[in-house]
Amino acid sequence: MQISTALSRAIVAFAATNLDDIFVLTFFFAQKNLQIWRVVLGQYLGIGGLILVSLVGFLASLIIPYKWIGFLGLIPIAIGIRKDRYGHILVPFIFIGLGLYILFGSQSRL
């Protein structure tokens, strides 16, 4: 795949998945009691964190054999099965759902 094709796909995917972020930022900027620099700083830190986690995942995919990547979905399932500290029932379901998505989603690409 050409670099320009991959870059254009990445830009379109980023814009499509962050469409809801525009509405959230509009809501934050409309608030009178929030300082603008905090909203902007939070946005940059959030996006930076997502990029950092993605980079770690990419580098891990270079080390872990391709056929084993699907088994990484078992990690969130194991976390979800354990009861969280606060006793919320929703959190384990989120981790279990994420684990199943990773487990079966990556297996379909083999």
C-alpha atoms as a PDB file:
ATOM      1  CA  MET A   1       0.000   0.000   0.000  1.00  0.00           C
ATOM      2  CA  GLN A   2       1.293   3.436  -0.889  1.00  0.00           C
ATOM      3  CA  ILE A   3       2.140   5.859   1.907  1.00  0.00           C
ATOM      4  CA  SER A   4      -0.259   8.443   0.479  1.00  0.00           C
ATOM      5  CA  THR A   5      -3.110   5.908   0.396  1.00  0.00           C
ATOM      6  CA  ALA A   6      -2.457   4.811   3.982  1.00  0.00           C
ATOM      7  CA  LEU A   7      -2.177   8.407   5.157  1.00  0.00           C
ATOM      8  CA  SER A   8      -5.404   9.469   3.445  1.00  0.00           C
ATOM      9  CA  ARG A   9      -7.257   6.474   4.915  1.00  0.00           C
ATOM     10  CA  ALA A  10      -5.905   7.287   8.369  1.00  0.00           C
ATOM     11  CA  ILE A  11      -7.051  10.905   8.089  1.00  0.00           C
ATOM     12  CA  VAL A  12     -10.547   9.888   6.957  1.00  0.00           C
ATOM     13  CA  ALA A  13     -10.831   7.277   9.726  1.00  0.00           C
ATOM     14  CA  PHE A  14      -9.650   9.767  12.337  1.00  0.00           C
ATOM     15  CA  ALA A  15     -12.139  12.402  11.163  1.00  0.00           C
ATOM     16  CA  ALA A  16     -15.019   9.915  11.036  1.00  0.00           C
ATOM     17  CA  THR A  17     -14.400   8.512  14.498  1.00  0.00           C
ATOM     18  CA  ASN A  18     -13.941  11.926  16.103  1.00  0.00           C
ATOM     19  CA  LEU A  19     -17.100  13.520  14.765  1.00  0.00           C
ATOM     20  CA  ASP A  20     -18.783  13.219  18.162  1.00  0.00           C
ATOM     21  CA  ASP A  21     -15.774  14.925  19.731  1.00  0.00           C
ATOM     22  CA  ILE A  22     -16.714  18.103  17.864  1.00  0.00           C
ATOM     23  CA  PHE A  23     -20.058  18.172  19.677  1.00  0.00           C
ATOM     24  CA  VAL A  24     -18.460  17.564  23.063  1.00  0.00           C
ATOM     25  CA  LEU A  25     -15.901  20.315  22.488  1.00  0.00           C
ATOM     26  CA  THR A  26     -18.651  22.685  21.364  1.00  0.00           C
ATOM     27  CA  PHE A  27     -20.484  21.987  24.614  1.00  0.00           C
ATOM     28  CA  PHE A  28     -17.333  22.606  26.673  1.00  0.00           C
ATOM     29  CA  PHE A  29     -16.496  25.836  24.859  1.00  0.00           C
ATOM     30  CA  ALA A  30     -20.063  27.064  25.420  1.00  0.00           C
ATOM     31  CA  GLN A  31     -19.666  26.755  29.200  1.00  0.00           C
ATOM     32  CA  LYS A  32     -18.922  30.074  30.877  1.00  0.00           C
ATOM     33  CA  ASN A  33     -17.230  28.606  33.960  1.00  0.00           C
ATOM     34  CA  LEU A  34     -14.605  26.530  32.099  1.00  0.00           C
ATOM     35  CA  GLN A  35     -11.290  28.008  31.126  1.00  0.00           C
ATOM     36  CA  ILE A  36     -10.550  27.533  27.435  1.00  0.00           C
ATOM     37  CA  TRP A  37      -6.928  26.556  27.981  1.00  0.00           C
ATOM     38  CA  ARG A  38      -8.018  23.609  30.140  1.00  0.00           C
ATOM     39  CA  VAL A  39     -10.337  22.310  27.434  1.00  0.00           C
ATOM     40  CA  VAL A  40      -7.613  22.642  24.790  1.00  0.00           C
ATOM     41  CA  LEU A  41      -4.988  21.058  27.052  1.00  0.00           C
ATOM     42  CA  GLY A  42      -7.332  18.174  27.877  1.00  0.00           C
ATOM     43  CA  GLN A  43      -8.010  17.618  24.181  1.00  0.00           C
ATOM     44  CA  TYR A  44      -4.323  17.507  23.335  1.00  0.00           C
ATOM     45  CA  LEU A  45      -3.511  15.224  26.271  1.00  0.00           C
ATOM     46  CA  GLY A  46      -6.377  12.888  25.356  1.00  0.00           C
ATOM     47  CA  ILE A  47      -5.380  12.609  21.697  1.00  0.00           C
ATOM     48  CA  GLY A  48      -1.722  12.245  22.709  1.00  0.00           C
ATOM     49  CA  GLY A  49      -2.653   9.420  25.060  1.00  0.00           C
ATOM     50  CA  LEU A  50      -4.597   7.632  22.338  1.00  0.00           C
ATOM     51  CA  ILE A  51      -1.676   7.962  19.941  1.00  0.00           C
ATOM     52  CA  LEU A  52       0.720   6.661  22.605  1.00  0.00           C
ATOM     53  CA  VAL A  53      -1.452   3.618  23.354  1.00  0.00           C
ATOM     54  CA  SER A  54      -1.787   2.936  19.616  1.00  0.00           C
ATOM     55  CA  LEU A  55       1.960   3.176  19.175  1.00  0.00           C
ATOM     56  CA  VAL A  56       2.549   0.732  22.026  1.00  0.00           C
ATOM     57  CA  GLY A  57       0.022  -1.650  20.445  1.00  0.00           C
ATOM     58  CA  PHE A  58       1.728  -1.356  17.073  1.00  0.00           C
ATOM     59  CA  LEU A  59       5.157  -2.034  18.549  1.00  0.00           C
ATOM     60  CA  ALA A  60       3.762  -4.990  20.480  1.00  0.00           C
ATOM     61  CA  SER A  61       2.361  -6.387  17.233  1.00  0.00           C
ATOM     62  CA  LEU A  62       5.898  -6.431  15.853  1.00  0.00           C
ATOM     63  CA  ILE A  63       7.057  -8.590  18.764  1.00  0.00           C
ATOM     64  CA  ILE A  64       4.055 -10.883  19.290  1.00  0.00           C
ATOM     65  CA  PRO A  65       3.437 -13.513  16.590  1.00  0.00           C
ATOM     66  CA  TYR A  66       0.412 -12.690  14.431  1.00  0.00           C
ATOM     67  CA  LYS A  67      -1.556 -15.789  15.383  1.00  0.00           C
ATOM     68  CA  TRP A  68      -1.284 -14.957  19.100  1.00  0.00           C
ATOM     69  CA  ILE A  69      -2.617 -11.402  18.856  1.00  0.00           C
ATOM     70  CA  GLY A  70      -6.219 -12.606  19.135  1.00  0.00           C
ATOM     71  CA  PHE A  71      -5.471 -14.121  22.527  1.00  0.00           C
ATOM     72  CA  LEU A  72      -4.743 -10.637  23.875  1.00  0.00           C
ATOM     73  CA  GLY A  73      -8.533 -10.324  24.038  1.00  0.00           C
ATOM     74  CA  LEU A  74      -8.440 -12.669  27.008  1.00  0.00           C
ATOM     75  CA  ILE A  75      -6.755  -9.981  29.117  1.00  0.00           C
ATOM     76  CA  PRO A  76      -9.785  -7.621  29.267  1.00  0.00           C
ATOM     77  CA  ILE A  77     -12.050 -10.640  29.788  1.00  0.00           C
ATOM     78  CA  ALA A  78      -9.966 -11.684  32.816  1.00  0.00           C
ATOM     79  CA  ILE A  79     -10.073  -8.120  34.145  1.00  0.00           C
ATOM     80  CA  GLY A  80     -13.828  -7.995  33.599  1.00  0.00           C
ATOM     81  CA  ILE A  81     -14.482 -11.261  35.395  1.00  0.00           C
ATOM     82  CA  ARG A  82     -12.825  -9.907  38.518  1.00  0.00           C
ATOM     83  CA  LYS A  83     -15.142  -7.597  40.396  1.00  0.00           C
ATOM     84  CA  ASP A  84     -13.904  -4.029  40.299  1.00  0.00           C
ATOM     85  CA  ARG A  85     -13.128  -2.082  43.474  1.00  0.00           C
ATOM     86  CA  TYR A  86     -16.241   0.033  43.352  1.00  0.00           C
ATOM     87  CA  GLY A  87     -18.715  -2.806  42.916  1.00  0.00           C
ATOM     88  CA  HIS A  88     -20.122  -1.475  39.647  1.00  0.00           C
ATOM     89  CA  ILE A  89     -21.650  -4.142  37.457  1.00  0.00           C
ATOM     90  CA  LEU A  90     -21.169  -2.216  34.196  1.00  0.00           C
ATOM     91  CA  VAL A  91     -17.366  -2.112  34.274  1.00  0.00           C
ATOM     92  CA  PRO A  92     -16.844  -5.908  34.043  1.00  0.00           C
ATOM     93  CA  PHE A  93     -19.269  -6.078  31.119  1.00  0.00           C
ATOM     94  CA  ILE A  94     -17.326  -3.381  29.296  1.00  0.00           C
ATOM     95  CA  PHE A  95     -14.052  -5.290  29.751  1.00  0.00           C
ATOM     96  CA  ILE A  96     -15.630  -8.594  28.746  1.00  0.00           C
ATOM     97  CA  GLY A  97     -17.181  -7.007  25.646  1.00  0.00           C
ATOM     98  CA  LEU A  98     -13.875  -5.407  24.685  1.00  0.00           C
ATOM     99  CA  GLY A  99     -12.053  -8.696  25.139  1.00  0.00           C
ATOM    100  CA  LEU A 100     -14.540 -10.618  23.016  1.00  0.00           C
ATOM    101  CA  TYR A 101     -14.333  -7.966  20.317  1.00  0.00           C
ATOM    102  CA  ILE A 102     -10.534  -8.190  20.221  1.00  0.00           C
ATOM    103  CA  LEU A 103     -10.526 -11.985  20.456  1.00  0.00           C
ATOM    104  CA  PHE A 104     -13.018 -12.684  17.682  1.00  0.00           C
ATOM    105  CA  GLY A 105     -12.244  -9.614  15.575  1.00  0.00           C
ATOM    106  CA  SER A 106      -8.601 -10.533  15.213  1.00  0.00           C
ATOM    107  CA  GLN A 107      -9.387 -14.197  14.581  1.00  0.00           C
ATOM    108  CA  SER A 108     -11.497 -13.286  11.567  1.00  0.00           C
ATOM    109  CA  ARG A 109      -8.471 -11.674   9.909  1.00  0.00           C
ATOM    110  CA  LEU A 110      -6.367 -14.840   9.946  1.00  0.00           C
END
